[in-house]
Amino acid sequence: MKVTYSTLYMAGIGSAGAFYIDAGLHMALSKRLFMGMHAVNLNAARWSSETEERYPSLIKIGLGYHLSEKLQVFAQGEKDLFYPFGVQTGLAYQLVEALQLRIGVNQLQESLHGGFGFRYGKLDISFASRHHQALGFTHHAAFRLDF
């Protein structure tokens, strides 16, 4: 279980942020193959107090495979409460022990994603940017402390 503060910025629209609660499970199926399940936004957090719009509430199930010590490939199925089932795929490259570079594709939203994750002990800082045909570039930053 984790509590996350997430902020989103969209050019020309502005930014918003909120705390939300997630729960997940991660397990190794073999030395190189792993599986995860993740429920996002269990508390149904809103974008802001001025709107009824909420952060997405999602159920995700995915597989990951270590192609090498530094390179991983991922595939994930995702169901949002208000949208059809979608598939996401991606690659992650471990540049150094604390820094991972990421790239991916979201089939349902027809969007390309890229970003990085920095992990030091229990602190995890991530930044991502995506390009959507209609919305252009959007950015996402997350700061997480596991306990």
Protein backbone atom coordinates (compact mmCIF):
# COMPACT_ATOMS: atom_id res chain seq x y z
CA MET A 1 0.00 0.00 0.00
CA LYS A 2 1.30 3.48 -0.75
CA VAL A 3 0.20 7.08 -0.57
CA THR A 4 1.29 9.21 -3.52
CA TYR A 5 1.18 12.93 -4.23
CA SER A 6 0.90 13.38 -7.95
CA THR A 7 0.85 16.55 -9.99
CA LEU A 8 -0.01 16.90 -13.65
CA TYR A 9 0.80 19.83 -15.95
CA MET A 10 -0.81 20.32 -19.38
CA ALA A 11 0.35 23.17 -21.61
CA GLY A 12 -2.37 25.80 -22.04
CA ILE A 13 -4.60 24.22 -19.37
CA GLY A 14 -2.57 24.41 -16.15
CA SER A 15 -1.71 22.00 -13.37
CA ALA A 16 -3.40 20.10 -10.55
CA GLY A 17 -2.30 17.72 -7.84
CA ALA A 18 -3.72 15.43 -5.17
CA PHE A 19 -2.92 12.64 -2.73
CA TYR A 20 -4.23 9.21 -3.64
CA ILE A 21 -3.95 5.69 -2.25
CA ASP A 22 -2.74 2.67 -4.24
CA ALA A 23 -2.35 -1.01 -3.40
CA GLY A 24 -0.31 -3.54 -5.27
CA LEU A 25 1.36 -6.91 -5.36
CA HIS A 26 4.61 -7.87 -7.07
CA MET A 27 5.89 -11.43 -7.39
CA ALA A 28 8.69 -13.26 -9.15
CA LEU A 29 7.47 -16.14 -11.34
CA SER A 30 11.05 -17.13 -12.21
CA LYS A 31 14.50 -15.57 -12.03
CA ARG A 32 13.76 -13.33 -15.06
CA LEU A 33 9.94 -13.21 -15.23
CA PHE A 34 7.80 -11.23 -12.79
CA MET A 35 4.17 -10.25 -12.46
CA GLY A 36 2.40 -7.38 -10.79
CA MET A 37 -1.11 -6.24 -9.95
CA HIS A 38 -1.94 -2.66 -9.01
CA ALA A 39 -5.12 -0.84 -7.95
CA VAL A 40 -4.80 2.94 -8.40
CA ASN A 41 -6.69 5.75 -6.64
CA LEU A 42 -8.63 3.68 -4.12
CA ASN A 43 -9.78 6.87 -2.38
CA ALA A 44 -11.23 8.37 -5.63
CA ALA A 45 -9.19 11.60 -5.32
CA ARG A 46 -10.39 14.64 -7.32
CA TRP A 47 -8.25 16.85 -9.55
CA SER A 48 -9.18 19.80 -7.37
CA SER A 49 -11.84 20.87 -4.87
CA GLU A 50 -13.48 22.98 -7.60
CA THR A 51 -14.41 20.06 -9.85
CA GLU A 52 -16.05 16.66 -9.64
CA GLU A 53 -13.49 15.19 -12.05
CA ARG A 54 -11.36 12.53 -10.42
CA TYR A 55 -7.99 10.96 -11.03
CA PRO A 56 -8.42 7.67 -12.89
CA SER A 57 -9.33 4.63 -10.79
CA LEU A 58 -7.53 1.72 -12.43
CA ILE A 59 -6.87 -1.98 -12.10
CA LYS A 60 -3.60 -3.07 -13.77
CA ILE A 61 -2.09 -6.52 -14.31
CA GLY A 62 1.28 -6.85 -16.01
CA LEU A 63 4.28 -9.00 -16.78
CA GLY A 64 7.92 -8.01 -16.96
CA TYR A 65 10.92 -9.86 -18.29
CA HIS A 66 14.62 -9.16 -17.70
CA LEU A 67 16.24 -9.42 -21.13
CA SER A 68 19.58 -8.65 -19.46
CA GLU A 69 20.82 -7.24 -16.17
CA LYS A 70 20.13 -3.67 -17.40
CA LEU A 71 17.23 -4.06 -19.86
CA GLN A 72 13.63 -5.02 -19.07
CA VAL A 73 10.55 -5.35 -21.28
CA PHE A 74 6.99 -4.93 -19.98
CA ALA A 75 3.41 -5.61 -21.06
CA GLN A 76 0.40 -4.53 -19.05
CA GLY A 77 -3.36 -4.74 -19.30
CA GLU A 78 -5.29 -1.87 -17.73
CA LYS A 79 -8.96 -1.27 -17.00
CA ASP A 80 -10.24 2.18 -16.04
CA LEU A 81 -13.71 2.34 -14.53
CA PHE A 82 -14.95 4.55 -17.39
CA TYR A 83 -12.89 3.35 -20.39
CA PRO A 84 -12.34 0.08 -22.28
CA PHE A 85 -9.54 -2.37 -21.53
CA GLY A 86 -6.17 -1.25 -22.92
CA VAL A 87 -2.65 -2.60 -23.37
CA GLN A 88 0.61 -0.83 -22.64
CA THR A 89 4.12 -1.96 -23.53
CA GLY A 90 7.49 -0.54 -22.62
CA LEU A 91 11.21 -0.85 -22.09
CA ALA A 92 13.28 0.17 -19.07
CA TYR A 93 17.05 0.59 -19.12
CA GLN A 94 19.06 0.77 -15.87
CA LEU A 95 21.61 3.48 -16.69
CA VAL A 96 23.24 3.33 -13.23
CA GLU A 97 22.09 1.68 -9.99
CA ALA A 98 19.80 4.56 -8.93
CA LEU A 99 18.65 5.80 -12.38
CA GLN A 100 16.34 4.06 -14.82
CA LEU A 101 15.31 5.39 -18.26
CA ARG A 102 11.87 4.39 -19.60
CA ILE A 103 9.97 4.45 -22.90
CA GLY A 104 6.56 3.02 -23.78
CA VAL A 105 3.39 2.99 -25.87
CA ASN A 106 -0.24 3.08 -24.72
CA GLN A 107 -2.37 1.31 -27.34
CA LEU A 108 -5.76 2.60 -26.14
CA GLN A 109 -4.74 6.26 -25.90
CA GLU A 110 -2.44 6.08 -28.94
CA SER A 111 0.30 7.86 -27.03
CA LEU A 112 4.08 7.62 -26.68
CA HIS A 113 5.70 7.93 -23.25
CA GLY A 114 9.22 8.55 -21.99
CA GLY A 115 10.77 9.33 -18.65
CA PHE A 116 13.09 8.36 -15.85
CA GLY A 117 12.99 7.05 -12.31
CA PHE A 118 15.47 7.83 -9.53
CA ARG A 119 15.46 5.55 -6.49
CA TYR A 120 17.52 6.06 -3.35
CA GLY A 121 16.63 3.81 -0.43
CA LYS A 122 12.90 4.19 0.20
CA LEU A 123 12.59 7.40 -1.86
CA ASP A 124 11.41 7.11 -5.46
CA ILE A 125 11.20 10.14 -7.76
CA SER A 126 9.79 9.73 -11.26
CA PHE A 127 9.23 12.07 -14.17
CA ALA A 128 7.42 11.20 -17.38
CA SER A 129 6.28 12.97 -20.48
CA ARG A 130 3.88 11.71 -23.09
CA HIS A 131 2.75 12.84 -26.48
CA HIS A 132 -0.91 12.45 -27.39
CA GLN A 133 -2.19 13.31 -30.87
CA ALA A 134 -4.96 15.60 -29.56
CA LEU A 135 -3.45 16.93 -26.31
CA GLY A 136 0.20 17.34 -27.33
CA PHE A 137 2.78 16.91 -24.57
CA THR A 138 1.76 16.32 -20.95
CA HIS A 139 4.12 15.85 -18.02
CA HIS A 140 3.84 13.86 -14.81
CA ALA A 141 6.01 13.95 -11.70
CA ALA A 142 5.69 11.65 -8.69
CA PHE A 143 7.48 11.52 -5.34
CA ARG A 144 7.03 8.31 -3.37
CA LEU A 145 8.26 7.19 0.03
CA ASP A 146 7.81 3.48 0.73
CA PHE A 147 7.35 2.36 4.33
